[in-house]
Amino acid sequence: MKMPFGLKNMPARFQRFVNEILHDLIRNGDIVAYMDDFLVATETLENHLEMLDHVFSLLVENKLELRLSNATYMKRSNS
């Protein structure tokens, strides 16, 4: 299902939908979500893989799709 972003309130409505789906993870500070961008920052690789699995499961359950060509996974910070 595609969302018609030409409508005035669709971006805000989509953001609200994403926030509802990922509410617990956002509230706990596990991820940051803005529109269709998700930042998952963890301390360990094991924790990172678990968090990605959880996020992907929530997205699939809610019929949201990811475009792998636009994704970056397990990128290390420069610090």
PDB file of N, CA and C in Angstrom:
ATOM      1  N   MET A   1       0.848  -1.167   0.000  1.00  0.00           N
ATOM      2  CA  MET A   1       0.000   0.000   0.000  1.00  0.00           C
ATOM      3  C   MET A   1       0.902   1.241   0.000  1.00  0.00           C
ATOM      4  N   LYS A   2       0.608   2.162  -0.848  1.00  0.00           N
ATOM      5  CA  LYS A   2       1.383   3.396  -0.942  1.00  0.00           C
ATOM      6  C   LYS A   2       0.587   4.536  -0.340  1.00  0.00           C
ATOM      7  N   MET A   3       1.294   5.498   0.248  1.00  0.00           N
ATOM      8  CA  MET A   3       0.638   6.646   0.848  1.00  0.00           C
ATOM      9  C   MET A   3       0.755   7.839  -0.093  1.00  0.00           C
ATOM     10  N   PRO A   4      -0.343   8.523  -0.381  1.00  0.00           N
ATOM     11  CA  PRO A   4      -0.298   9.678  -1.271  1.00  0.00           C
ATOM     12  C   PRO A   4       0.280  10.904  -0.563  1.00  0.00           C
ATOM     13  N   PHE A   5       1.583  11.140  -0.714  1.00  0.00           N
ATOM     14  CA  PHE A   5       2.218  12.260  -0.025  1.00  0.00           C
ATOM     15  C   PHE A   5       1.830  13.612  -0.613  1.00  0.00           C
ATOM     16  N   GLY A   6       1.085  13.632  -1.697  1.00  0.00           N
ATOM     17  CA  GLY A   6       0.631  14.893  -2.258  1.00  0.00           C
ATOM     18  C   GLY A   6      -0.384  15.582  -1.370  1.00  0.00           C
ATOM     19  N   LEU A   7      -1.029  14.825  -0.502  1.00  0.00           N
ATOM     20  CA  LEU A   7      -2.002  15.420   0.407  1.00  0.00           C
ATOM     21  C   LEU A   7      -1.271  16.180   1.506  1.00  0.00           C
ATOM     22  N   LYS A   8      -1.847  17.282   1.951  1.00  0.00           N
ATOM     23  CA  LYS A   8      -1.177  18.183   2.888  1.00  0.00           C
ATOM     24  C   LYS A   8      -0.703  17.531   4.180  1.00  0.00           C
ATOM     25  N   ASN A   9      -1.523  16.721   4.784  1.00  0.00           N
ATOM     26  CA  ASN A   9      -1.193  16.204   6.113  1.00  0.00           C
ATOM     27  C   ASN A   9      -0.592  14.802   6.096  1.00  0.00           C
ATOM     28  N   MET A  10      -0.292  14.251   4.943  1.00  0.00           N
ATOM     29  CA  MET A  10       0.231  12.881   4.889  1.00  0.00           C
ATOM     30  C   MET A  10       1.605  12.721   5.559  1.00  0.00           C
ATOM     31  N   PRO A  11       2.562  13.632   5.369  1.00  0.00           N
ATOM     32  CA  PRO A  11       3.837  13.450   6.087  1.00  0.00           C
ATOM     33  C   PRO A  11       3.658  13.429   7.606  1.00  0.00           C
ATOM     34  N   ALA A  12       2.841  14.321   8.131  1.00  0.00           N
ATOM     35  CA  ALA A  12       2.603  14.345   9.582  1.00  0.00           C
ATOM     36  C   ALA A  12       1.881  13.083  10.033  1.00  0.00           C
ATOM     37  N   ARG A  13       0.940  12.633   9.237  1.00  0.00           N
ATOM     38  CA  ARG A  13       0.201  11.419   9.584  1.00  0.00           C
ATOM     39  C   ARG A  13       1.117  10.198   9.563  1.00  0.00           C
ATOM     40  N   PHE A  14       2.013  10.139   8.569  1.00  0.00           N
ATOM     41  CA  PHE A  14       2.968   9.034   8.487  1.00  0.00           C
ATOM     42  C   PHE A  14       3.911   9.053   9.685  1.00  0.00           C
ATOM     43  N   GLN A  15       4.404  10.238  10.069  1.00  0.00           N
ATOM     44  CA  GLN A  15       5.296  10.353  11.221  1.00  0.00           C
ATOM     45  C   GLN A  15       4.595   9.884  12.485  1.00  0.00           C
ATOM     46  N   ARG A  16       3.340  10.234  12.654  1.00  0.00           N
ATOM     47  CA  ARG A  16       2.566   9.804  13.813  1.00  0.00           C
ATOM     48  C   ARG A  16       2.418   8.281  13.822  1.00  0.00           C
ATOM     49  N   PHE A  17       2.184   7.689  12.650  1.00  0.00           N
ATOM     50  CA  PHE A  17       2.056   6.236  12.532  1.00  0.00           C
ATOM     51  C   PHE A  17       3.358   5.549  12.930  1.00  0.00           C
ATOM     52  N   VAL A  18       4.484   6.039  12.418  1.00  0.00           N
ATOM     53  CA  VAL A  18       5.800   5.475  12.762  1.00  0.00           C
ATOM     54  C   VAL A  18       6.056   5.622  14.262  1.00  0.00           C
ATOM     55  N   ASN A  19       5.737   6.783  14.820  1.00  0.00           N
ATOM     56  CA  ASN A  19       5.942   7.009  16.253  1.00  0.00           C
ATOM     57  C   ASN A  19       5.103   6.054  17.097  1.00  0.00           C
ATOM     58  N   GLU A  20       3.894   5.753  16.651  1.00  0.00           N
ATOM     59  CA  GLU A  20       3.040   4.817  17.377  1.00  0.00           C
ATOM     60  C   GLU A  20       3.620   3.403  17.335  1.00  0.00           C
ATOM     61  N   ILE A  21       4.093   2.994  16.169  1.00  0.00           N
ATOM     62  CA  ILE A  21       4.648   1.652  16.005  1.00  0.00           C
ATOM     63  C   ILE A  21       5.897   1.465  16.865  1.00  0.00           C
ATOM     64  N   LEU A  22       6.761   2.472  16.866  1.00  0.00           N
ATOM     65  CA  LEU A  22       8.065   2.367  17.531  1.00  0.00           C
ATOM     66  C   LEU A  22       8.098   3.092  18.879  1.00  0.00           C
ATOM     67  N   HIS A  23       6.928   3.373  19.427  1.00  0.00           N
ATOM     68  CA  HIS A  23       6.815   4.188  20.640  1.00  0.00           C
ATOM     69  C   HIS A  23       7.745   3.743  21.771  1.00  0.00           C
ATOM     70  N   ASP A  24       7.710   2.468  22.116  1.00  0.00           N
ATOM     71  CA  ASP A  24       8.509   1.986  23.246  1.00  0.00           C
ATOM     72  C   ASP A  24      10.004   2.144  22.985  1.00  0.00           C
ATOM     73  N   LEU A  25      10.436   1.851  21.785  1.00  0.00           N
ATOM     74  CA  LEU A  25      11.860   1.961  21.452  1.00  0.00           C
ATOM     75  C   LEU A  25      12.318   3.415  21.442  1.00  0.00           C
ATOM     76  N   ILE A  26      11.465   4.301  20.947  1.00  0.00           N
ATOM     77  CA  ILE A  26      11.793   5.732  20.935  1.00  0.00           C
ATOM     78  C   ILE A  26      11.841   6.259  22.361  1.00  0.00           C
ATOM     79  N   ARG A  27      10.832   5.912  23.161  1.00  0.00           N
ATOM     80  CA  ARG A  27      10.762   6.377  24.554  1.00  0.00           C
ATOM     81  C   ARG A  27      11.972   5.917  25.373  1.00  0.00           C
ATOM     82  N   ASN A  28      12.434   4.681  25.119  1.00  0.00           N
ATOM     83  CA  ASN A  28      13.589   4.149  25.842  1.00  0.00           C
ATOM     84  C   ASN A  28      14.917   4.695  25.334  1.00  0.00           C
ATOM     85  N   GLY A  29      14.872   5.436  24.224  1.00  0.00           N
ATOM     86  CA  GLY A  29      16.101   5.976  23.662  1.00  0.00           C
ATOM     87  C   GLY A  29      16.892   4.958  22.853  1.00  0.00           C
ATOM     88  N   ASP A  30      16.246   3.853  22.483  1.00  0.00           N
ATOM     89  CA  ASP A  30      16.925   2.819  21.709  1.00  0.00           C
ATOM     90  C   ASP A  30      17.080   3.201  20.246  1.00  0.00           C
ATOM     91  N   ILE A  31      16.116   3.959  19.721  1.00  0.00           N
ATOM     92  CA  ILE A  31      16.195   4.403  18.334  1.00  0.00           C
ATOM     93  C   ILE A  31      15.720   5.841  18.223  1.00  0.00           C
ATOM     94  N   VAL A  32      16.064   6.459  17.103  1.00  0.00           N
ATOM     95  CA  VAL A  32      15.550   7.773  16.729  1.00  0.00           C
ATOM     96  C   VAL A  32      14.865   7.579  15.391  1.00  0.00           C
ATOM     97  N   ALA A  33      13.655   8.082  15.251  1.00  0.00           N
ATOM     98  CA  ALA A  33      12.909   7.929  14.002  1.00  0.00           C
ATOM     99  C   ALA A  33      12.460   9.298  13.512  1.00  0.00           C
ATOM    100  N   TYR A  34      12.769   9.580  12.251  1.00  0.00           N
ATOM    101  CA  TYR A  34      12.266  10.789  11.605  1.00  0.00           C
ATOM    102  C   TYR A  34      11.794  10.400  10.221  1.00  0.00           C
ATOM    103  N   MET A  35      10.499  10.490  10.018  1.00  0.00           N
ATOM    104  CA  MET A  35       9.853  10.081   8.773  1.00  0.00           C
ATOM    105  C   MET A  35      10.233   8.630   8.455  1.00  0.00           C
ATOM    106  N   ASP A  36      11.009   8.429   7.399  1.00  0.00           N
ATOM    107  CA  ASP A  36      11.386   7.066   7.026  1.00  0.00           C
ATOM    108  C   ASP A  36      12.852   6.774   7.320  1.00  0.00           C
ATOM    109  N   ASP A  37      13.449   7.558   8.199  1.00  0.00           N
ATOM    110  CA  ASP A  37      14.836   7.336   8.625  1.00  0.00           C
ATOM    111  C   ASP A  37      14.843   6.848  10.067  1.00  0.00           C
ATOM    112  N   PHE A  38      15.597   5.773  10.304  1.00  0.00           N
ATOM    113  CA  PHE A  38      15.699   5.207  11.639  1.00  0.00           C
ATOM    114  C   PHE A  38      17.165   5.105  12.016  1.00  0.00           C
ATOM    115  N   LEU A  39      17.522   5.610  13.177  1.00  0.00           N
ATOM    116  CA  LEU A  39      18.888   5.509  13.688  1.00  0.00           C
ATOM    117  C   LEU A  39      18.867   4.586  14.893  1.00  0.00           C
ATOM    118  N   VAL A  40      19.636   3.515  14.796  1.00  0.00           N
ATOM    119  CA  VAL A  40      19.757   2.552  15.888  1.00  0.00           C
ATOM    120  C   VAL A  40      21.206   2.611  16.349  1.00  0.00           C
ATOM    121  N   ALA A  41      21.434   3.147  17.525  1.00  0.00           N
ATOM    122  CA  ALA A  41      22.794   3.279  18.056  1.00  0.00           C
ATOM    123  C   ALA A  41      22.910   2.422  19.309  1.00  0.00           C
ATOM    124  N   THR A  42      23.809   1.447  19.265  1.00  0.00           N
ATOM    125  CA  THR A  42      23.983   0.536  20.390  1.00  0.00           C
ATOM    126  C   THR A  42      25.458   0.434  20.751  1.00  0.00           C
ATOM    127  N   GLU A  43      25.732  -0.134  21.897  1.00  0.00           N
ATOM    128  CA  GLU A  43      27.105  -0.271  22.383  1.00  0.00           C
ATOM    129  C   GLU A  43      27.785  -1.533  21.861  1.00  0.00           C
ATOM    130  N   THR A  44      27.022  -2.600  21.670  1.00  0.00           N
ATOM    131  CA  THR A  44      27.622  -3.864  21.247  1.00  0.00           C
ATOM    132  C   THR A  44      26.970  -4.372  19.967  1.00  0.00           C
ATOM    133  N   LEU A  45      27.699  -5.195  19.239  1.00  0.00           N
ATOM    134  CA  LEU A  45      27.176  -5.789  18.016  1.00  0.00           C
ATOM    135  C   LEU A  45      25.975  -6.677  18.320  1.00  0.00           C
ATOM    136  N   GLU A  46      26.063  -7.458  19.385  1.00  0.00           N
ATOM    137  CA  GLU A  46      24.959  -8.334  19.765  1.00  0.00           C
ATOM    138  C   GLU A  46      23.689  -7.545  20.036  1.00  0.00           C
ATOM    139  N   ASN A  47      23.811  -6.463  20.795  1.00  0.00           N
ATOM    140  CA  ASN A  47      22.665  -5.607  21.101  1.00  0.00           C
ATOM    141  C   ASN A  47      22.128  -4.974  19.819  1.00  0.00           C
ATOM    142  N   HIS A  48      23.026  -4.581  18.931  1.00  0.00           N
ATOM    143  CA  HIS A  48      22.619  -3.948  17.679  1.00  0.00           C
ATOM    144  C   HIS A  48      21.787  -4.912  16.827  1.00  0.00           C
ATOM    145  N   LEU A  49      22.249  -6.148  16.704  1.00  0.00           N
ATOM    146  CA  LEU A  49      21.521  -7.141  15.916  1.00  0.00           C
ATOM    147  C   LEU A  49      20.159  -7.444  16.520  1.00  0.00           C
ATOM    148  N   GLU A  50      20.084  -7.514  17.837  1.00  0.00           N
ATOM    149  CA  GLU A  50      18.804  -7.738  18.511  1.00  0.00           C
ATOM    150  C   GLU A  50      17.850  -6.572  18.263  1.00  0.00           C
ATOM    151  N   MET A  51      18.373  -5.348  18.336  1.00  0.00           N
ATOM    152  CA  MET A  51      17.547  -4.163  18.130  1.00  0.00           C
ATOM    153  C   MET A  51      17.052  -4.094  16.681  1.00  0.00           C
ATOM    154  N   LEU A  52      17.935  -4.398  15.722  1.00  0.00           N
ATOM    155  CA  LEU A  52      17.516  -4.412  14.323  1.00  0.00           C
ATOM    156  C   LEU A  52      16.423  -5.444  14.094  1.00  0.00           C
ATOM    157  N   ASP A  53      16.577  -6.611  14.674  1.00  0.00           N
ATOM    158  CA  ASP A  53      15.571  -7.662  14.545  1.00  0.00           C
ATOM    159  C   ASP A  53      14.230  -7.183  15.092  1.00  0.00           C
ATOM    160  N   HIS A  54      14.268  -6.520  16.224  1.00  0.00           N
ATOM    161  CA  HIS A  54      13.035  -6.014  16.848  1.00  0.00           C
ATOM    162  C   HIS A  54      12.385  -4.949  15.963  1.00  0.00           C
ATOM    163  N   VAL A  55      13.185  -4.016  15.468  1.00  0.00           N
ATOM    164  CA  VAL A  55      12.661  -2.947  14.604  1.00  0.00           C
ATOM    165  C   VAL A  55      12.082  -3.544  13.325  1.00  0.00           C
ATOM    166  N   PHE A  56      12.811  -4.448  12.681  1.00  0.00           N
ATOM    167  CA  PHE A  56      12.320  -5.069  11.450  1.00  0.00           C
ATOM    168  C   PHE A  56      11.020  -5.826  11.695  1.00  0.00           C
ATOM    169  N   SER A  57      10.927  -6.519  12.816  1.00  0.00           N
ATOM    170  CA  SER A  57       9.701  -7.257  13.150  1.00  0.00           C
ATOM    171  C   SER A  57       8.513  -6.309  13.291  1.00  0.00           C
ATOM    172  N   LEU A  58       8.719  -5.199  13.968  1.00  0.00           N
ATOM    173  CA  LEU A  58       7.645  -4.216  14.133  1.00  0.00           C
ATOM    174  C   LEU A  58       7.226  -3.627  12.794  1.00  0.00           C
ATOM    175  N   LEU A  59       8.187  -3.345  11.932  1.00  0.00           N
ATOM    176  CA  LEU A  59       7.855  -2.793  10.621  1.00  0.00           C
ATOM    177  C   LEU A  59       7.063  -3.798   9.787  1.00  0.00           C
ATOM    178  N   VAL A  60       7.488  -5.051   9.795  1.00  0.00           N
ATOM    179  CA  VAL A  60       6.793  -6.095   9.029  1.00  0.00           C
ATOM    180  C   VAL A  60       5.376  -6.287   9.569  1.00  0.00           C
ATOM    181  N   GLU A  61       5.228  -6.336  10.885  1.00  0.00           N
ATOM    182  CA  GLU A  61       3.907  -6.512  11.499  1.00  0.00           C
ATOM    183  C   GLU A  61       2.942  -5.412  11.075  1.00  0.00           C
ATOM    184  N   ASN A  62       3.489  -4.229  10.803  1.00  0.00           N
ATOM    185  CA  ASN A  62       2.654  -3.080  10.448  1.00  0.00           C
ATOM    186  C   ASN A  62       2.679  -2.778   8.955  1.00  0.00           C
ATOM    187  N   LYS A  63       3.154  -3.763   8.177  1.00  0.00           N
ATOM    188  CA  LYS A  63       3.129  -3.705   6.718  1.00  0.00           C
ATOM    189  C   LYS A  63       3.923  -2.531   6.140  1.00  0.00           C
ATOM    190  N   LEU A  64       5.024  -2.193   6.784  1.00  0.00           N
ATOM    191  CA  LEU A  64       5.937  -1.190   6.248  1.00  0.00           C
ATOM    192  C   LEU A  64       7.114  -1.896   5.606  1.00  0.00           C
ATOM    193  N   GLU A  65       7.603  -1.343   4.518  1.00  0.00           N
ATOM    194  CA  GLU A  65       8.706  -1.954   3.780  1.00  0.00           C
ATOM    195  C   GLU A  65       9.925  -1.053   3.818  1.00  0.00           C
ATOM    196  N   LEU A  66      11.094  -1.671   3.729  1.00  0.00           N
ATOM    197  CA  LEU A  66      12.350  -0.941   3.643  1.00  0.00           C
ATOM    198  C   LEU A  66      12.942  -1.143   2.256  1.00  0.00           C
ATOM    199  N   ARG A  67      13.613  -0.140   1.772  1.00  0.00           N
ATOM    200  CA  ARG A  67      14.323  -0.256   0.513  1.00  0.00           C
ATOM    201  C   ARG A  67      15.800  -0.463   0.847  1.00  0.00           C
ATOM    202  N   LEU A  68      16.276  -1.685   0.655  1.00  0.00           N
ATOM    203  CA  LEU A  68      17.643  -2.040   1.044  1.00  0.00           C
ATOM    204  C   LEU A  68      18.693  -1.178   0.357  1.00  0.00           C
ATOM    205  N   SER A  69      18.413  -0.716  -0.852  1.00  0.00           N
ATOM    206  CA  SER A  69      19.388   0.111  -1.568  1.00  0.00           C
ATOM    207  C   SER A  69      19.613   1.459  -0.883  1.00  0.00           C
ATOM    208  N   ASN A  70      18.695   1.885  -0.030  1.00  0.00           N
ATOM    209  CA  ASN A  70      18.830   3.165   0.674  1.00  0.00           C
ATOM    210  C   ASN A  70      19.306   3.003   2.115  1.00  0.00           C
ATOM    211  N   ALA A  71      19.646   1.806   2.520  1.00  0.00           N
ATOM    212  CA  ALA A  71      19.962   1.532   3.917  1.00  0.00           C
ATOM    213  C   ALA A  71      21.463   1.384   4.150  1.00  0.00           C
ATOM    214  N   THR A  72      21.886   1.754   5.334  1.00  0.00           N
ATOM    215  CA  THR A  72      23.246   1.542   5.808  1.00  0.00           C
ATOM    216  C   THR A  72      23.142   0.810   7.140  1.00  0.00           C
ATOM    217  N   TYR A  73      23.845  -0.293   7.262  1.00  0.00           N
ATOM    218  CA  TYR A  73      23.755  -1.102   8.478  1.00  0.00           C
ATOM    219  C   TYR A  73      25.096  -1.192   9.175  1.00  0.00           C
ATOM    220  N   MET A  74      25.053  -1.189  10.490  1.00  0.00           N
ATOM    221  CA  MET A  74      26.201  -1.406  11.372  1.00  0.00           C
ATOM    222  C   MET A  74      27.399  -0.527  11.017  1.00  0.00           C
ATOM    223  N   LYS A  75      27.138   0.735  10.794  1.00  0.00           N
ATOM    224  CA  LYS A  75      28.207   1.686  10.516  1.00  0.00           C
ATOM    225  C   LYS A  75      28.795   2.166  11.838  1.00  0.00           C
ATOM    226  N   ARG A  76      30.101   2.127  11.938  1.00  0.00           N
ATOM    227  CA  ARG A  76      30.763   2.585  13.168  1.00  0.00           C
ATOM    228  C   ARG A  76      30.869   4.102  13.171  1.00  0.00           C
ATOM    229  N   SER A  77      30.815   4.666  14.381  1.00  0.00           N
ATOM    230  CA  SER A  77      31.004   6.120  14.495  1.00  0.00           C
ATOM    231  C   SER A  77      32.478   6.445  14.363  1.00  0.00           C
ATOM    232  N   ASN A  78      32.778   7.693  14.146  1.00  0.00           N
ATOM    233  CA  ASN A  78      34.164   8.133  13.982  1.00  0.00           C
ATOM    234  C   ASN A  78      34.866   8.404  15.306  1.00  0.00           C
ATOM    235  N   SER A  79      34.144   8.295  16.410  1.00  0.00           N
ATOM    236  CA  SER A  79      34.761   8.611  17.714  1.00  0.00           C
ATOM    237  C   SER A  79      35.479   7.435  18.314  1.00  0.00           C
TER     238      SER A  79
END
